[in-house]
Amino acid sequence: MAETLKATKREKTGKIANRNLRRDGKIPAVLYGDGKDVVHLELCAEQFDSIVRHGVKNITLEGDVSESVVMREVQWDTFGTEVLHVDFFRAGK
């Protein structure tokens, strides 16, 4: 069963913008695949943490982007306690 996650498009990218997002309790993410354009997203860290700790891979994004996705890669900090970035891949139909 796919979990639902609220995703918002983000305009700013780069190291400083991502650092500011994390400070505000958000996680930078990217959505790609299926021959469509890449979409840069921001996720709520608390909501994502509960999903990733349960081992869910299939996720439904809601908000600015409404798609069924597969979690492709999660980048953690050095100590493995905080998520730094997430890659999502569009689920094929």
PDB file of N, CA and C in Angstrom:
ATOM      1  N   MET A   1       0.839  -1.188   0.000  1.00  0.00           N
ATOM      2  CA  MET A   1       0.000   0.000   0.000  1.00  0.00           C
ATOM      3  C   MET A   1       0.877   1.242   0.000  1.00  0.00           C
ATOM      4  N   ALA A   2       0.517   2.218  -0.798  1.00  0.00           N
ATOM      5  CA  ALA A   2       1.293   3.452  -0.909  1.00  0.00           C
ATOM      6  C   ALA A   2       0.868   4.449   0.165  1.00  0.00           C
ATOM      7  N   GLU A   3       1.841   5.071   0.759  1.00  0.00           N
ATOM      8  CA  GLU A   3       1.597   6.139   1.719  1.00  0.00           C
ATOM      9  C   GLU A   3       1.452   7.453   0.970  1.00  0.00           C
ATOM     10  N   THR A   4       0.801   8.439   1.592  1.00  0.00           N
ATOM     11  CA  THR A   4       0.609   9.743   0.987  1.00  0.00           C
ATOM     12  C   THR A   4       1.525  10.752   1.647  1.00  0.00           C
ATOM     13  N   LEU A   5       2.161  11.581   0.821  1.00  0.00           N
ATOM     14  CA  LEU A   5       3.122  12.567   1.298  1.00  0.00           C
ATOM     15  C   LEU A   5       2.843  13.890   0.608  1.00  0.00           C
ATOM     16  N   LYS A   6       2.795  14.969   1.379  1.00  0.00           N
ATOM     17  CA  LYS A   6       2.548  16.292   0.811  1.00  0.00           C
ATOM     18  C   LYS A   6       3.852  16.846   0.250  1.00  0.00           C
ATOM     19  N   ALA A   7       3.817  17.257  -1.012  1.00  0.00           N
ATOM     20  CA  ALA A   7       5.001  17.794  -1.682  1.00  0.00           C
ATOM     21  C   ALA A   7       4.690  19.166  -2.273  1.00  0.00           C
ATOM     22  N   THR A   8       5.643  20.075  -2.134  1.00  0.00           N
ATOM     23  CA  THR A   8       5.510  21.423  -2.657  1.00  0.00           C
ATOM     24  C   THR A   8       6.663  21.685  -3.613  1.00  0.00           C
ATOM     25  N   LYS A   9       6.389  22.326  -4.750  1.00  0.00           N
ATOM     26  CA  LYS A   9       7.456  22.675  -5.678  1.00  0.00           C
ATOM     27  C   LYS A   9       8.338  23.736  -5.040  1.00  0.00           C
ATOM     28  N   ARG A  10       9.631  23.678  -5.353  1.00  0.00           N
ATOM     29  CA  ARG A  10      10.542  24.705  -4.857  1.00  0.00           C
ATOM     30  C   ARG A  10      11.219  25.387  -6.034  1.00  0.00           C
ATOM     31  N   GLU A  11      11.407  26.675  -5.902  1.00  0.00           N
ATOM     32  CA  GLU A  11      11.999  27.470  -6.971  1.00  0.00           C
ATOM     33  C   GLU A  11      13.516  27.547  -6.829  1.00  0.00           C
ATOM     34  N   LYS A  12      14.002  27.667  -5.601  1.00  0.00           N
ATOM     35  CA  LYS A  12      15.436  27.835  -5.366  1.00  0.00           C
ATOM     36  C   LYS A  12      16.100  26.476  -5.206  1.00  0.00           C
ATOM     37  N   THR A  13      17.258  26.313  -5.830  1.00  0.00           N
ATOM     38  CA  THR A  13      18.043  25.100  -5.695  1.00  0.00           C
ATOM     39  C   THR A  13      19.465  25.492  -5.310  1.00  0.00           C
ATOM     40  N   GLY A  14      20.245  24.515  -4.940  1.00  0.00           N
ATOM     41  CA  GLY A  14      21.634  24.782  -4.585  1.00  0.00           C
ATOM     42  C   GLY A  14      21.889  24.565  -3.106  1.00  0.00           C
ATOM     43  N   LYS A  15      23.153  24.641  -2.744  1.00  0.00           N
ATOM     44  CA  LYS A  15      23.600  24.327  -1.386  1.00  0.00           C
ATOM     45  C   LYS A  15      22.962  25.220  -0.315  1.00  0.00           C
ATOM     46  N   ILE A  16      22.976  26.507  -0.538  1.00  0.00           N
ATOM     47  CA  ILE A  16      22.462  27.429   0.483  1.00  0.00           C
ATOM     48  C   ILE A  16      20.950  27.310   0.614  1.00  0.00           C
ATOM     49  N   ALA A  17      20.248  27.211  -0.509  1.00  0.00           N
ATOM     50  CA  ALA A  17      18.788  27.059  -0.473  1.00  0.00           C
ATOM     51  C   ALA A  17      18.400  25.767   0.237  1.00  0.00           C
ATOM     52  N   ASN A  18      19.126  24.674  -0.033  1.00  0.00           N
ATOM     53  CA  ASN A  18      18.826  23.397   0.614  1.00  0.00           C
ATOM     54  C   ASN A  18      19.131  23.443   2.107  1.00  0.00           C
ATOM     55  N   ARG A  19      20.188  24.104   2.472  1.00  0.00           N
ATOM     56  CA  ARG A  19      20.531  24.254   3.898  1.00  0.00           C
ATOM     57  C   ARG A  19      19.434  25.025   4.631  1.00  0.00           C
ATOM     58  N   ASN A  20      18.914  26.069   3.994  1.00  0.00           N
ATOM     59  CA  ASN A  20      17.825  26.847   4.600  1.00  0.00           C
ATOM     60  C   ASN A  20      16.555  26.013   4.733  1.00  0.00           C
ATOM     61  N   LEU A  21      16.271  25.172   3.734  1.00  0.00           N
ATOM     62  CA  LEU A  21      15.103  24.284   3.804  1.00  0.00           C
ATOM     63  C   LEU A  21      15.216  23.354   5.013  1.00  0.00           C
ATOM     64  N   ARG A  22      16.373  22.715   5.164  1.00  0.00           N
ATOM     65  CA  ARG A  22      16.571  21.772   6.269  1.00  0.00           C
ATOM     66  C   ARG A  22      16.445  22.473   7.619  1.00  0.00           C
ATOM     67  N   ARG A  23      16.930  23.695   7.702  1.00  0.00           N
ATOM     68  CA  ARG A  23      16.827  24.455   8.943  1.00  0.00           C
ATOM     69  C   ARG A  23      15.362  24.726   9.295  1.00  0.00           C
ATOM     70  N   ASP A  24      14.517  24.849   8.266  1.00  0.00           N
ATOM     71  CA  ASP A  24      13.089  25.115   8.469  1.00  0.00           C
ATOM     72  C   ASP A  24      12.265  23.838   8.626  1.00  0.00           C
ATOM     73  N   GLY A  25      12.928  22.676   8.754  1.00  0.00           N
ATOM     74  CA  GLY A  25      12.212  21.418   8.965  1.00  0.00           C
ATOM     75  C   GLY A  25      11.684  20.788   7.689  1.00  0.00           C
ATOM     76  N   LYS A  26      12.306  21.107   6.563  1.00  0.00           N
ATOM     77  CA  LYS A  26      11.896  20.544   5.281  1.00  0.00           C
ATOM     78  C   LYS A  26      13.059  19.762   4.686  1.00  0.00           C
ATOM     79  N   ILE A  27      12.747  18.913   3.703  1.00  0.00           N
ATOM     80  CA  ILE A  27      13.755  18.106   3.029  1.00  0.00           C
ATOM     81  C   ILE A  27      13.684  18.411   1.535  1.00  0.00           C
ATOM     82  N   PRO A  28      14.820  18.724   0.894  1.00  0.00           N
ATOM     83  CA  PRO A  28      14.817  18.892  -0.556  1.00  0.00           C
ATOM     84  C   PRO A  28      14.688  17.530  -1.234  1.00  0.00           C
ATOM     85  N   ALA A  29      13.959  17.507  -2.345  1.00  0.00           N
ATOM     86  CA  ALA A  29      13.758  16.262  -3.089  1.00  0.00           C
ATOM     87  C   ALA A  29      13.680  16.584  -4.574  1.00  0.00           C
ATOM     88  N   VAL A  30      13.831  15.535  -5.382  1.00  0.00           N
ATOM     89  CA  VAL A  30      13.731  15.686  -6.822  1.00  0.00           C
ATOM     90  C   VAL A  30      12.889  14.531  -7.367  1.00  0.00           C
ATOM     91  N   LEU A  31      12.068  14.835  -8.369  1.00  0.00           N
ATOM     92  CA  LEU A  31      11.209  13.845  -9.013  1.00  0.00           C
ATOM     93  C   LEU A  31      11.574  13.797 -10.491  1.00  0.00           C
ATOM     94  N   TYR A  32      11.878  12.594 -10.985  1.00  0.00           N
ATOM     95  CA  TYR A  32      12.264  12.453 -12.381  1.00  0.00           C
ATOM     96  C   TYR A  32      11.755  11.139 -12.945  1.00  0.00           C
ATOM     97  N   GLY A  33      11.949  10.953 -14.261  1.00  0.00           N
ATOM     98  CA  GLY A  33      11.577   9.705 -14.915  1.00  0.00           C
ATOM     99  C   GLY A  33      10.387   9.839 -15.840  1.00  0.00           C
ATOM    100  N   ASP A  34      10.110   8.762 -16.571  1.00  0.00           N
ATOM    101  CA  ASP A  34       8.971   8.640 -17.480  1.00  0.00           C
ATOM    102  C   ASP A  34       9.005   9.672 -18.611  1.00  0.00           C
ATOM    103  N   GLY A  35      10.200  10.177 -18.954  1.00  0.00           N
ATOM    104  CA  GLY A  35      10.343  11.119 -20.060  1.00  0.00           C
ATOM    105  C   GLY A  35       9.804  12.509 -19.791  1.00  0.00           C
ATOM    106  N   LYS A  36       9.466  12.817 -18.556  1.00  0.00           N
ATOM    107  CA  LYS A  36       8.931  14.140 -18.197  1.00  0.00           C
ATOM    108  C   LYS A  36      10.035  14.986 -17.590  1.00  0.00           C
ATOM    109  N   ASP A  37       9.760  16.276 -17.436  1.00  0.00           N
ATOM    110  CA  ASP A  37      10.738  17.188 -16.856  1.00  0.00           C
ATOM    111  C   ASP A  37      10.994  16.862 -15.386  1.00  0.00           C
ATOM    112  N   VAL A  38      12.181  17.207 -14.938  1.00  0.00           N
ATOM    113  CA  VAL A  38      12.557  17.045 -13.534  1.00  0.00           C
ATOM    114  C   VAL A  38      11.830  18.111 -12.715  1.00  0.00           C
ATOM    115  N   VAL A  39      11.316  17.712 -11.547  1.00  0.00           N
ATOM    116  CA  VAL A  39      10.614  18.640 -10.662  1.00  0.00           C
ATOM    117  C   VAL A  39      11.337  18.657  -9.323  1.00  0.00           C
ATOM    118  N   HIS A  40      11.706  19.855  -8.865  1.00  0.00           N
ATOM    119  CA  HIS A  40      12.353  20.010  -7.568  1.00  0.00           C
ATOM    120  C   HIS A  40      11.271  20.229  -6.517  1.00  0.00           C
ATOM    121  N   LEU A  41      11.349  19.473  -5.424  1.00  0.00           N
ATOM    122  CA  LEU A  41      10.305  19.483  -4.407  1.00  0.00           C
ATOM    123  C   LEU A  41      10.871  19.760  -3.022  1.00  0.00           C
ATOM    124  N   GLU A  42       9.982  20.102  -2.117  1.00  0.00           N
ATOM    125  CA  GLU A  42      10.323  20.151  -0.696  1.00  0.00           C
ATOM    126  C   GLU A  42       9.269  19.345   0.054  1.00  0.00           C
ATOM    127  N   LEU A  43       9.724  18.610   1.064  1.00  0.00           N
ATOM    128  CA  LEU A  43       8.866  17.726   1.851  1.00  0.00           C
ATOM    129  C   LEU A  43       8.965  18.095   3.317  1.00  0.00           C
ATOM    130  N   CYS A  44       7.924  17.794   4.073  1.00  0.00           N
ATOM    131  CA  CYS A  44       7.947  17.973   5.516  1.00  0.00           C
ATOM    132  C   CYS A  44       8.821  16.868   6.108  1.00  0.00           C
ATOM    133  N   ALA A  45       9.841  17.246   6.873  1.00  0.00           N
ATOM    134  CA  ALA A  45      10.794  16.271   7.423  1.00  0.00           C
ATOM    135  C   ALA A  45      10.121  15.285   8.368  1.00  0.00           C
ATOM    136  N   GLU A  46       9.233  15.753   9.222  1.00  0.00           N
ATOM    137  CA  GLU A  46       8.554  14.861  10.173  1.00  0.00           C
ATOM    138  C   GLU A  46       7.708  13.821   9.458  1.00  0.00           C
ATOM    139  N   GLN A  47       6.943  14.258   8.485  1.00  0.00           N
ATOM    140  CA  GLN A  47       6.069  13.352   7.741  1.00  0.00           C
ATOM    141  C   GLN A  47       6.894  12.337   6.957  1.00  0.00           C
ATOM    142  N   PHE A  48       7.960  12.782   6.315  1.00  0.00           N
ATOM    143  CA  PHE A  48       8.791  11.864   5.546  1.00  0.00           C
ATOM    144  C   PHE A  48       9.516  10.873   6.461  1.00  0.00           C
ATOM    145  N   ASP A  49       9.982  11.350   7.597  1.00  0.00           N
ATOM    146  CA  ASP A  49      10.701  10.483   8.533  1.00  0.00           C
ATOM    147  C   ASP A  49       9.841   9.305   8.976  1.00  0.00           C
ATOM    148  N   SER A  50       8.577   9.557   9.254  1.00  0.00           N
ATOM    149  CA  SER A  50       7.697   8.467   9.677  1.00  0.00           C
ATOM    150  C   SER A  50       7.482   7.455   8.548  1.00  0.00           C
ATOM    151  N   ILE A  51       7.450   7.923   7.311  1.00  0.00           N
ATOM    152  CA  ILE A  51       7.276   7.019   6.178  1.00  0.00           C
ATOM    153  C   ILE A  51       8.532   6.193   5.936  1.00  0.00           C
ATOM    154  N   VAL A  52       9.681   6.828   5.951  1.00  0.00           N
ATOM    155  CA  VAL A  52      10.920   6.112   5.641  1.00  0.00           C
ATOM    156  C   VAL A  52      11.297   5.135   6.755  1.00  0.00           C
ATOM    157  N   ARG A  53      10.965   5.428   7.983  1.00  0.00           N
ATOM    158  CA  ARG A  53      11.285   4.524   9.094  1.00  0.00           C
ATOM    159  C   ARG A  53      10.433   3.258   9.049  1.00  0.00           C
ATOM    160  N   HIS A  54       9.286   3.319   8.366  1.00  0.00           N
ATOM    161  CA  HIS A  54       8.439   2.136   8.224  1.00  0.00           C
ATOM    162  C   HIS A  54       8.804   1.319   6.986  1.00  0.00           C
ATOM    163  N   GLY A  55       9.791   1.780   6.210  1.00  0.00           N
ATOM    164  CA  GLY A  55      10.255   1.020   5.058  1.00  0.00           C
ATOM    165  C   GLY A  55       9.369   1.096   3.832  1.00  0.00           C
ATOM    166  N   VAL A  56       8.549   2.112   3.742  1.00  0.00           N
ATOM    167  CA  VAL A  56       7.651   2.267   2.591  1.00  0.00           C
ATOM    168  C   VAL A  56       8.452   2.768   1.391  1.00  0.00           C
ATOM    169  N   LYS A  57       8.272   2.144   0.234  1.00  0.00           N
ATOM    170  CA  LYS A  57       8.970   2.562  -0.987  1.00  0.00           C
ATOM    171  C   LYS A  57       8.023   3.210  -1.990  1.00  0.00           C
ATOM    172  N   ASN A  58       6.768   2.754  -2.054  1.00  0.00           N
ATOM    173  CA  ASN A  58       5.774   3.319  -2.973  1.00  0.00           C
ATOM    174  C   ASN A  58       5.028   4.433  -2.262  1.00  0.00           C
ATOM    175  N   ILE A  59       5.062   5.612  -2.850  1.00  0.00           N
ATOM    176  CA  ILE A  59       4.486   6.797  -2.211  1.00  0.00           C
ATOM    177  C   ILE A  59       3.618   7.530  -3.219  1.00  0.00           C
ATOM    178  N   THR A  60       2.536   8.111  -2.747  1.00  0.00           N
ATOM    179  CA  THR A  60       1.696   8.979  -3.565  1.00  0.00           C
ATOM    180  C   THR A  60       1.945  10.411  -3.115  1.00  0.00           C
ATOM    181  N   LEU A  61       2.401  11.247  -4.037  1.00  0.00           N
ATOM    182  CA  LEU A  61       2.642  12.654  -3.721  1.00  0.00           C
ATOM    183  C   LEU A  61       1.361  13.440  -3.943  1.00  0.00           C
ATOM    184  N   GLU A  62       1.085  14.360  -3.042  1.00  0.00           N
ATOM    185  CA  GLU A  62      -0.067  15.247  -3.158  1.00  0.00           C
ATOM    186  C   GLU A  62       0.404  16.676  -2.957  1.00  0.00           C
ATOM    187  N   GLY A  63      -0.368  17.615  -3.440  1.00  0.00           N
ATOM    188  CA  GLY A  63      -0.018  19.021  -3.306  1.00  0.00           C
ATOM    189  C   GLY A  63       0.232  19.597  -4.682  1.00  0.00           C
ATOM    190  N   ASP A  64       1.369  20.287  -4.862  1.00  0.00           N
ATOM    191  CA  ASP A  64       1.708  20.874  -6.156  1.00  0.00           C
ATOM    192  C   ASP A  64       1.925  19.796  -7.217  1.00  0.00           C
ATOM    193  N   VAL A  65       2.365  18.621  -6.777  1.00  0.00           N
ATOM    194  CA  VAL A  65       2.583  17.492  -7.681  1.00  0.00           C
ATOM    195  C   VAL A  65       1.767  16.319  -7.165  1.00  0.00           C
ATOM    196  N   SER A  66       0.922  15.756  -8.002  1.00  0.00           N
ATOM    197  CA  SER A  66       0.113  14.608  -7.606  1.00  0.00           C
ATOM    198  C   SER A  66       0.456  13.434  -8.507  1.00  0.00           C
ATOM    199  N   GLU A  67       1.329  12.566  -8.014  1.00  0.00           N
ATOM    200  CA  GLU A  67       1.779  11.421  -8.800  1.00  0.00           C
ATOM    201  C   GLU A  67       2.102  10.256  -7.889  1.00  0.00           C
ATOM    202  N   SER A  68       2.123   9.086  -8.486  1.00  0.00           N
ATOM    203  CA  SER A  68       2.551   7.869  -7.808  1.00  0.00           C
ATOM    204  C   SER A  68       4.046   7.720  -8.077  1.00  0.00           C
ATOM    205  N   VAL A  69       4.848   7.573  -7.030  1.00  0.00           N
ATOM    206  CA  VAL A  69       6.298   7.524  -7.195  1.00  0.00           C
ATOM    207  C   VAL A  69       6.899   6.379  -6.393  1.00  0.00           C
ATOM    208  N   VAL A  70       8.139   6.059  -6.741  1.00  0.00           N
ATOM    209  CA  VAL A  70       8.927   5.081  -6.011  1.00  0.00           C
ATOM    210  C   VAL A  70      10.121   5.825  -5.427  1.00  0.00           C
ATOM    211  N   MET A  71      10.409   5.580  -4.165  1.00  0.00           N
ATOM    212  CA  MET A  71      11.553   6.209  -3.535  1.00  0.00           C
ATOM    213  C   MET A  71      12.815   5.561  -4.109  1.00  0.00           C
ATOM    214  N   ARG A  72      13.645   6.328  -4.796  1.00  0.00           N
ATOM    215  CA  ARG A  72      14.816   5.786  -5.478  1.00  0.00           C
ATOM    216  C   ARG A  72      16.049   5.827  -4.588  1.00  0.00           C
ATOM    217  N   GLU A  73      16.287   6.976  -3.931  1.00  0.00           N
ATOM    218  CA  GLU A  73      17.470   7.111  -3.091  1.00  0.00           C
ATOM    219  C   GLU A  73      17.198   8.101  -1.970  1.00  0.00           C
ATOM    220  N   VAL A  74      17.689   7.766  -0.789  1.00  0.00           N
ATOM    221  CA  VAL A  74      17.605   8.661   0.357  1.00  0.00           C
ATOM    222  C   VAL A  74      19.033   8.921   0.820  1.00  0.00           C
ATOM    223  N   GLN A  75      19.409  10.192   0.881  1.00  0.00           N
ATOM    224  CA  GLN A  75      20.748  10.551   1.332  1.00  0.00           C
ATOM    225  C   GLN A  75      20.664  10.990   2.789  1.00  0.00           C
ATOM    226  N   TRP A  76      21.496  10.355   3.640  1.00  0.00           N
ATOM    227  CA  TRP A  76      21.509  10.617   5.071  1.00  0.00           C
ATOM    228  C   TRP A  76      22.752  11.401   5.451  1.00  0.00           C
ATOM    229  N   ASP A  77      22.699  12.071   6.603  1.00  0.00           N
ATOM    230  CA  ASP A  77      23.890  12.739   7.117  1.00  0.00           C
ATOM    231  C   ASP A  77      24.911  11.686   7.565  1.00  0.00           C
ATOM    232  N   THR A  78      26.059  12.114   7.990  1.00  0.00           N
ATOM    233  CA  THR A  78      27.152  11.214   8.365  1.00  0.00           C
ATOM    234  C   THR A  78      26.759  10.218   9.436  1.00  0.00           C
ATOM    235  N   PHE A  79      25.940  10.627  10.367  1.00  0.00           N
ATOM    236  CA  PHE A  79      25.564   9.775  11.488  1.00  0.00           C
ATOM    237  C   PHE A  79      24.312   8.943  11.221  1.00  0.00           C
ATOM    238  N   GLY A  80      23.682   9.136  10.076  1.00  0.00           N
ATOM    239  CA  GLY A  80      22.500   8.369   9.713  1.00  0.00           C
ATOM    240  C   GLY A  80      21.270   8.731  10.514  1.00  0.00           C
ATOM    241  N   THR A  81      21.204   9.966  10.981  1.00  0.00           N
ATOM    242  CA  THR A  81      20.074  10.385  11.803  1.00  0.00           C
ATOM    243  C   THR A  81      19.136  11.358  11.091  1.00  0.00           C
ATOM    244  N   GLU A  82      19.655  12.085  10.104  1.00  0.00           N
ATOM    245  CA  GLU A  82      18.863  13.108   9.437  1.00  0.00           C
ATOM    246  C   GLU A  82      18.914  12.906   7.925  1.00  0.00           C
ATOM    247  N   VAL A  83      17.753  13.001   7.283  1.00  0.00           N
ATOM    248  CA  VAL A  83      17.680  12.871   5.823  1.00  0.00           C
ATOM    249  C   VAL A  83      18.110  14.193   5.201  1.00  0.00           C
ATOM    250  N   LEU A  84      19.036  14.118   4.232  1.00  0.00           N
ATOM    251  CA  LEU A  84      19.532  15.317   3.565  1.00  0.00           C
ATOM    252  C   LEU A  84      18.836  15.580   2.230  1.00  0.00           C
ATOM    253  N   HIS A  85      18.498  14.511   1.506  1.00  0.00           N
ATOM    254  CA  HIS A  85      17.913  14.667   0.174  1.00  0.00           C
ATOM    255  C   HIS A  85      17.229  13.366  -0.236  1.00  0.00           C
ATOM    256  N   VAL A  86      16.197  13.476  -1.069  1.00  0.00           N
ATOM    257  CA  VAL A  86      15.460  12.302  -1.526  1.00  0.00           C
ATOM    258  C   VAL A  86      15.288  12.377  -3.043  1.00  0.00           C
ATOM    259  N   ASP A  87      15.475  11.231  -3.707  1.00  0.00           N
ATOM    260  CA  ASP A  87      15.195  11.115  -5.141  1.00  0.00           C
ATOM    261  C   ASP A  87      13.973  10.233  -5.316  1.00  0.00           C
ATOM    262  N   PHE A  88      12.991  10.716  -6.085  1.00  0.00           N
ATOM    263  CA  PHE A  88      11.802   9.947  -6.406  1.00  0.00           C
ATOM    264  C   PHE A  88      11.808   9.651  -7.897  1.00  0.00           C
ATOM    265  N   PHE A  89      11.285   8.484  -8.279  1.00  0.00           N
ATOM    266  CA  PHE A  89      11.164   8.090  -9.676  1.00  0.00           C
ATOM    267  C   PHE A  89       9.680   7.874  -9.971  1.00  0.00           C
ATOM    268  N   ARG A  90       9.207   8.453 -11.053  1.00  0.00           N
ATOM    269  CA  ARG A  90       7.792   8.301 -11.409  1.00  0.00           C
ATOM    270  C   ARG A  90       7.479   6.823 -11.675  1.00  0.00           C
ATOM    271  N   ALA A  91       6.402   6.349 -11.090  1.00  0.00           N
ATOM    272  CA  ALA A  91       5.990   4.952 -11.287  1.00  0.00           C
ATOM    273  C   ALA A  91       5.334   4.831 -12.653  1.00  0.00           C
ATOM    274  N   GLY A  92       5.792   3.864 -13.429  1.00  0.00           N
ATOM    275  CA  GLY A  92       5.223   3.654 -14.771  1.00  0.00           C
ATOM    276  C   GLY A  92       3.814   3.108 -14.678  1.00  0.00           C
ATOM    277  N   LYS A  93       3.047   3.340 -15.719  1.00  0.00           N
ATOM    278  CA  LYS A  93       1.655   2.895 -15.708  1.00  0.00           C
ATOM    279  C   LYS A  93       1.493   1.667 -16.534  1.00  0.00           C
TER     280      LYS A  93
END
